[in-house]
Amino acid sequence: MSTITLKSHRKAARVTSSGLKLTRRGRFLLLGLPLMLLAVAALVLVGIVTSSAQAATGTTGAGATQVTVQAGESIWSIAAANSSNRDPRDVVAEIVQLNDLKTSVLQPGQQIFVPTH
């Protein structure tokens, strides 16, 4: 058997490490994307803070008046006295929701909000 040898006239390519080269897209992803995510997070945080403040101030709007509970009064009697052509049960439900009442017992001198519409 004979052996065939092939000679190559090409020289071996040199491998050099020139460091990391970022393209325009790479710079955008490395710097721009985290900055945009941080900006979105800041906007979401501002939205959460301001929306809860609006909800807290919106419960005592022009559609409610403040009433001081007298001795012997109940939510039902206050609702019946302040419901104009409305079912007192609906007014009682609104009073409980407006004032975030956990119980139906009212104390004399307690101030509650009653819907006016």
N, C-alpha and C. Protein backbone atom coordinates (compact mmCIF):
# COMPACT_ATOMS: atom_id res chain seq x y z
N MET A 1 0.81 -1.16 0.00
CA MET A 1 0.00 0.00 0.00
C MET A 1 0.86 1.23 0.00
N SER A 2 0.31 2.19 -0.64
CA SER A 2 1.05 3.44 -0.70
C SER A 2 0.31 4.52 0.06
N THR A 3 1.03 5.45 0.51
CA THR A 3 0.46 6.54 1.29
C THR A 3 0.50 7.81 0.47
N ILE A 4 -0.62 8.52 0.49
CA ILE A 4 -0.69 9.78 -0.24
C ILE A 4 -0.61 10.91 0.78
N THR A 5 0.25 11.82 0.52
CA THR A 5 0.37 12.99 1.37
C THR A 5 0.00 14.22 0.58
N LEU A 6 -0.81 15.02 1.17
CA LEU A 6 -1.22 16.28 0.54
C LEU A 6 -0.60 17.42 1.30
N LYS A 7 -0.05 18.32 0.56
CA LYS A 7 0.54 19.49 1.19
C LYS A 7 -0.38 20.68 0.98
N SER A 8 -0.56 21.41 2.00
CA SER A 8 -1.39 22.60 1.93
C SER A 8 -0.50 23.81 1.87
N HIS A 9 -0.85 24.73 1.00
CA HIS A 9 -0.07 25.95 0.86
C HIS A 9 -0.62 27.08 1.73
N ARG A 10 -1.70 26.82 2.40
CA ARG A 10 -2.29 27.86 3.26
C ARG A 10 -1.58 27.87 4.59
N LYS A 11 -1.46 29.04 5.10
CA LYS A 11 -0.89 29.15 6.43
C LYS A 11 -2.04 29.11 7.44
N ALA A 12 -1.75 28.63 8.57
CA ALA A 12 -2.77 28.54 9.62
C ALA A 12 -3.18 29.94 10.05
N ALA A 13 -4.48 30.12 10.20
CA ALA A 13 -4.99 31.43 10.61
C ALA A 13 -4.68 31.66 12.08
N ARG A 14 -4.31 32.87 12.35
CA ARG A 14 -3.99 33.22 13.73
C ARG A 14 -5.27 33.58 14.47
N VAL A 15 -5.37 33.11 15.67
CA VAL A 15 -6.52 33.43 16.50
C VAL A 15 -6.04 34.43 17.54
N THR A 16 -6.65 35.59 17.50
CA THR A 16 -6.29 36.61 18.48
C THR A 16 -7.52 36.95 19.29
N SER A 17 -7.31 37.25 20.50
CA SER A 17 -8.42 37.65 21.35
C SER A 17 -8.39 39.16 21.46
N SER A 18 -9.25 39.79 20.70
CA SER A 18 -9.28 41.25 20.69
C SER A 18 -10.27 41.81 21.71
N GLY A 19 -10.86 40.98 22.53
CA GLY A 19 -11.81 41.45 23.52
C GLY A 19 -13.24 41.39 23.01
N LEU A 20 -14.13 41.83 23.83
CA LEU A 20 -15.54 41.81 23.51
C LEU A 20 -15.90 43.04 22.70
N LYS A 21 -16.55 42.82 21.58
CA LYS A 21 -16.98 43.92 20.73
C LYS A 21 -18.50 43.95 20.72
N LEU A 22 -19.06 45.03 21.20
CA LEU A 22 -20.51 45.15 21.22
C LEU A 22 -21.00 45.85 19.96
N THR A 23 -22.03 45.30 19.39
CA THR A 23 -22.67 45.95 18.26
C THR A 23 -23.68 46.96 18.79
N ARG A 24 -24.31 47.66 17.89
CA ARG A 24 -25.31 48.65 18.30
C ARG A 24 -26.47 47.96 19.03
N ARG A 25 -26.90 46.84 18.51
CA ARG A 25 -27.98 46.09 19.14
C ARG A 25 -27.54 45.56 20.51
N GLY A 26 -26.32 45.13 20.61
CA GLY A 26 -25.80 44.63 21.89
C GLY A 26 -25.75 45.72 22.94
N ARG A 27 -25.32 46.93 22.55
CA ARG A 27 -25.31 48.05 23.50
C ARG A 27 -26.72 48.40 23.95
N PHE A 28 -27.65 48.34 23.01
CA PHE A 28 -29.05 48.62 23.37
C PHE A 28 -29.56 47.61 24.39
N LEU A 29 -29.31 46.35 24.14
CA LEU A 29 -29.79 45.32 25.06
C LEU A 29 -29.09 45.40 26.41
N LEU A 30 -27.82 45.72 26.40
CA LEU A 30 -27.06 45.76 27.64
C LEU A 30 -27.39 46.98 28.49
N LEU A 31 -27.63 48.11 27.87
CA LEU A 31 -27.87 49.36 28.60
C LEU A 31 -29.32 49.82 28.54
N GLY A 32 -29.90 49.80 27.36
CA GLY A 32 -31.23 50.37 27.17
C GLY A 32 -32.35 49.56 27.77
N LEU A 33 -32.28 48.26 27.62
CA LEU A 33 -33.36 47.42 28.13
C LEU A 33 -33.51 47.49 29.65
N PRO A 34 -32.44 47.39 30.43
CA PRO A 34 -32.61 47.55 31.88
C PRO A 34 -33.12 48.93 32.28
N LEU A 35 -32.69 49.96 31.56
CA LEU A 35 -33.19 51.31 31.87
C LEU A 35 -34.68 51.42 31.59
N MET A 36 -35.13 50.82 30.49
CA MET A 36 -36.56 50.86 30.17
C MET A 36 -37.37 50.07 31.20
N LEU A 37 -36.86 48.93 31.63
CA LEU A 37 -37.56 48.15 32.65
C LEU A 37 -37.65 48.90 33.97
N LEU A 38 -36.58 49.61 34.32
CA LEU A 38 -36.59 50.42 35.53
C LEU A 38 -37.61 51.56 35.43
N ALA A 39 -37.70 52.18 34.27
CA ALA A 39 -38.67 53.26 34.07
C ALA A 39 -40.10 52.74 34.16
N VAL A 40 -40.37 51.58 33.58
CA VAL A 40 -41.71 50.99 33.66
C VAL A 40 -42.06 50.64 35.11
N ALA A 41 -41.09 50.09 35.84
CA ALA A 41 -41.34 49.77 37.25
C ALA A 41 -41.64 51.02 38.05
N ALA A 42 -40.94 52.12 37.76
CA ALA A 42 -41.19 53.37 38.47
C ALA A 42 -42.59 53.90 38.15
N LEU A 43 -43.00 53.81 36.90
CA LEU A 43 -44.34 54.27 36.52
C LEU A 43 -45.43 53.43 37.18
N VAL A 44 -45.22 52.14 37.26
CA VAL A 44 -46.20 51.26 37.92
C VAL A 44 -46.29 51.61 39.40
N LEU A 45 -45.16 51.85 40.03
CA LEU A 45 -45.16 52.21 41.45
C LEU A 45 -45.89 53.53 41.69
N VAL A 46 -45.65 54.51 40.83
CA VAL A 46 -46.35 55.80 40.96
C VAL A 46 -47.85 55.60 40.75
N GLY A 47 -48.22 54.76 39.80
CA GLY A 47 -49.64 54.49 39.55
C GLY A 47 -50.32 53.83 40.73
N ILE A 48 -49.62 52.92 41.39
CA ILE A 48 -50.20 52.24 42.55
C ILE A 48 -50.39 53.21 43.70
N VAL A 49 -49.39 54.04 43.94
CA VAL A 49 -49.46 55.00 45.05
C VAL A 49 -50.58 56.01 44.83
N THR A 50 -50.70 56.55 43.63
CA THR A 50 -51.71 57.58 43.39
C THR A 50 -53.12 56.99 43.29
N SER A 51 -53.27 55.78 42.80
CA SER A 51 -54.62 55.22 42.69
C SER A 51 -55.20 54.90 44.06
N SER A 52 -54.40 54.44 45.00
CA SER A 52 -54.94 54.17 46.32
C SER A 52 -55.31 55.45 47.04
N ALA A 53 -54.59 56.53 46.78
CA ALA A 53 -54.93 57.82 47.39
C ALA A 53 -56.25 58.34 46.82
N GLN A 54 -56.50 58.15 45.54
CA GLN A 54 -57.75 58.59 44.95
C GLN A 54 -58.92 57.78 45.49
N ALA A 55 -58.73 56.50 45.69
CA ALA A 55 -59.81 55.67 46.21
C ALA A 55 -60.17 56.06 47.63
N ALA A 56 -59.20 56.43 48.43
CA ALA A 56 -59.46 56.81 49.81
C ALA A 56 -60.22 58.12 49.90
N THR A 57 -59.94 59.07 49.02
CA THR A 57 -60.63 60.35 49.07
C THR A 57 -61.96 60.31 48.34
N GLY A 58 -62.21 59.32 47.51
CA GLY A 58 -63.43 59.26 46.73
C GLY A 58 -64.63 58.74 47.50
N THR A 59 -64.44 58.16 48.67
CA THR A 59 -65.56 57.55 49.38
C THR A 59 -66.45 58.58 50.06
N THR A 60 -65.96 59.78 50.30
CA THR A 60 -66.78 60.79 50.97
C THR A 60 -67.06 61.94 50.02
N GLY A 61 -67.47 61.62 48.82
CA GLY A 61 -67.71 62.64 47.81
C GLY A 61 -69.02 63.37 48.06
N ALA A 62 -69.52 64.02 47.02
CA ALA A 62 -70.73 64.84 47.13
C ALA A 62 -71.98 63.99 47.31
N GLY A 63 -71.89 62.68 47.13
CA GLY A 63 -73.05 61.81 47.24
C GLY A 63 -73.32 61.31 48.64
N ALA A 64 -72.68 61.89 49.66
CA ALA A 64 -72.88 61.43 51.03
C ALA A 64 -72.84 62.60 51.99
N THR A 65 -73.64 62.47 53.06
CA THR A 65 -73.60 63.48 54.12
C THR A 65 -73.22 62.79 55.42
N GLN A 66 -72.64 63.57 56.32
CA GLN A 66 -72.21 63.02 57.60
C GLN A 66 -73.34 63.20 58.62
N VAL A 67 -73.67 62.13 59.31
CA VAL A 67 -74.77 62.13 60.28
C VAL A 67 -74.21 61.66 61.62
N THR A 68 -74.63 62.34 62.70
CA THR A 68 -74.26 61.91 64.05
C THR A 68 -75.37 61.02 64.60
N VAL A 69 -75.00 59.84 65.04
CA VAL A 69 -75.96 58.87 65.55
C VAL A 69 -76.48 59.33 66.91
N GLN A 70 -77.82 59.34 67.05
CA GLN A 70 -78.47 59.71 68.32
C GLN A 70 -78.79 58.43 69.10
N ALA A 71 -79.07 58.58 70.37
CA ALA A 71 -79.40 57.44 71.21
C ALA A 71 -80.65 56.74 70.68
N GLY A 72 -80.60 55.42 70.56
CA GLY A 72 -81.74 54.64 70.10
C GLY A 72 -81.81 54.47 68.59
N GLU A 73 -80.96 55.12 67.84
CA GLU A 73 -81.00 54.99 66.38
C GLU A 73 -80.23 53.75 65.94
N SER A 74 -80.70 53.18 64.84
CA SER A 74 -80.02 52.03 64.24
C SER A 74 -79.71 52.36 62.78
N ILE A 75 -78.97 51.48 62.16
CA ILE A 75 -78.67 51.70 60.73
C ILE A 75 -79.97 51.71 59.95
N TRP A 76 -80.90 50.83 60.32
CA TRP A 76 -82.17 50.75 59.61
C TRP A 76 -82.97 52.05 59.74
N SER A 77 -83.05 52.61 60.96
CA SER A 77 -83.83 53.84 61.14
C SER A 77 -83.19 55.02 60.41
N ILE A 78 -81.86 55.07 60.40
CA ILE A 78 -81.17 56.14 59.67
C ILE A 78 -81.39 55.96 58.17
N ALA A 79 -81.33 54.72 57.69
CA ALA A 79 -81.54 54.46 56.26
C ALA A 79 -82.97 54.79 55.85
N ALA A 80 -83.94 54.43 56.69
CA ALA A 80 -85.34 54.71 56.36
C ALA A 80 -85.61 56.21 56.35
N ALA A 81 -84.97 56.96 57.25
CA ALA A 81 -85.18 58.40 57.30
C ALA A 81 -84.51 59.12 56.13
N ASN A 82 -83.46 58.54 55.61
CA ASN A 82 -82.70 59.21 54.54
C ASN A 82 -82.88 58.58 53.17
N SER A 83 -83.80 57.63 53.03
CA SER A 83 -84.01 57.02 51.71
C SER A 83 -85.22 57.66 51.07
N SER A 84 -84.98 58.39 50.02
CA SER A 84 -86.08 59.03 49.31
C SER A 84 -86.44 58.14 48.12
N ASN A 85 -87.59 57.47 48.22
CA ASN A 85 -88.09 56.60 47.17
C ASN A 85 -87.13 55.45 46.85
N ARG A 86 -86.38 55.01 47.82
CA ARG A 86 -85.46 53.88 47.62
C ARG A 86 -85.74 52.83 48.67
N ASP A 87 -85.38 51.62 48.36
CA ASP A 87 -85.54 50.52 49.31
C ASP A 87 -84.53 50.71 50.45
N PRO A 88 -85.01 50.75 51.70
CA PRO A 88 -84.09 50.95 52.83
C PRO A 88 -82.99 49.89 52.92
N ARG A 89 -83.27 48.67 52.42
CA ARG A 89 -82.23 47.63 52.44
C ARG A 89 -81.03 48.02 51.59
N ASP A 90 -81.30 48.66 50.45
CA ASP A 90 -80.19 49.12 49.59
C ASP A 90 -79.41 50.24 50.28
N VAL A 91 -80.13 51.13 50.96
CA VAL A 91 -79.47 52.23 51.66
C VAL A 91 -78.63 51.69 52.83
N VAL A 92 -79.15 50.69 53.55
CA VAL A 92 -78.39 50.07 54.64
C VAL A 92 -77.10 49.48 54.09
N ALA A 93 -77.18 48.78 52.96
CA ALA A 93 -75.98 48.18 52.35
C ALA A 93 -74.97 49.26 51.97
N GLU A 94 -75.46 50.38 51.44
CA GLU A 94 -74.55 51.48 51.07
C GLU A 94 -73.91 52.11 52.31
N ILE A 95 -74.68 52.27 53.39
CA ILE A 95 -74.13 52.84 54.63
C ILE A 95 -73.02 51.94 55.17
N VAL A 96 -73.27 50.64 55.18
CA VAL A 96 -72.26 49.69 55.67
C VAL A 96 -71.01 49.76 54.81
N GLN A 97 -71.18 49.84 53.49
CA GLN A 97 -70.03 49.90 52.59
C GLN A 97 -69.29 51.24 52.71
N LEU A 98 -70.04 52.34 52.77
CA LEU A 98 -69.41 53.67 52.87
C LEU A 98 -68.56 53.82 54.12
N ASN A 99 -69.04 53.27 55.22
CA ASN A 99 -68.37 53.46 56.51
C ASN A 99 -67.51 52.28 56.91
N ASP A 100 -67.46 51.25 56.07
CA ASP A 100 -66.66 50.05 56.34
C ASP A 100 -67.00 49.49 57.72
N LEU A 101 -68.30 49.33 57.96
CA LEU A 101 -68.78 48.85 59.26
C LEU A 101 -68.63 47.33 59.34
N LYS A 102 -68.10 46.85 60.45
CA LYS A 102 -67.94 45.41 60.67
C LYS A 102 -69.14 44.83 61.42
N THR A 103 -69.89 45.68 62.10
CA THR A 103 -71.06 45.24 62.86
C THR A 103 -72.19 46.24 62.62
N SER A 104 -73.41 45.82 62.91
CA SER A 104 -74.56 46.71 62.69
C SER A 104 -74.86 47.57 63.91
N VAL A 105 -74.11 47.42 64.97
CA VAL A 105 -74.34 48.19 66.20
C VAL A 105 -73.69 49.56 66.06
N LEU A 106 -74.51 50.61 66.29
CA LEU A 106 -74.00 51.98 66.26
C LEU A 106 -74.00 52.54 67.67
N GLN A 107 -73.03 53.36 67.97
CA GLN A 107 -72.92 54.00 69.29
C GLN A 107 -73.42 55.43 69.20
N PRO A 108 -74.15 55.93 70.21
CA PRO A 108 -74.57 57.34 70.20
C PRO A 108 -73.34 58.25 70.12
N GLY A 109 -73.43 59.24 69.25
CA GLY A 109 -72.32 60.17 69.03
C GLY A 109 -71.40 59.75 67.89
N GLN A 110 -71.56 58.53 67.42
CA GLN A 110 -70.75 58.06 66.29
C GLN A 110 -71.16 58.81 65.03
N GLN A 111 -70.20 59.19 64.23
CA GLN A 111 -70.49 59.90 62.99
C GLN A 111 -70.32 58.94 61.82
N ILE A 112 -71.35 58.86 60.98
CA ILE A 112 -71.31 57.98 59.82
C ILE A 112 -71.71 58.77 58.59
N PHE A 113 -71.36 58.24 57.43
CA PHE A 113 -71.74 58.84 56.16
C PHE A 113 -72.96 58.11 55.63
N VAL A 114 -73.92 58.91 55.14
CA VAL A 114 -75.17 58.38 54.61
C VAL A 114 -75.29 58.86 53.16
N PRO A 115 -75.62 57.95 52.21
CA PRO A 115 -75.75 58.37 50.81
C PRO A 115 -76.94 59.32 50.64
N THR A 116 -76.78 60.30 49.75
CA THR A 116 -77.82 61.31 49.57
C THR A 116 -78.60 61.16 48.27
N HIS A 117 -78.23 60.28 47.38
CA HIS A 117 -78.92 60.17 46.10
C HIS A 117 -80.10 59.28 46.14
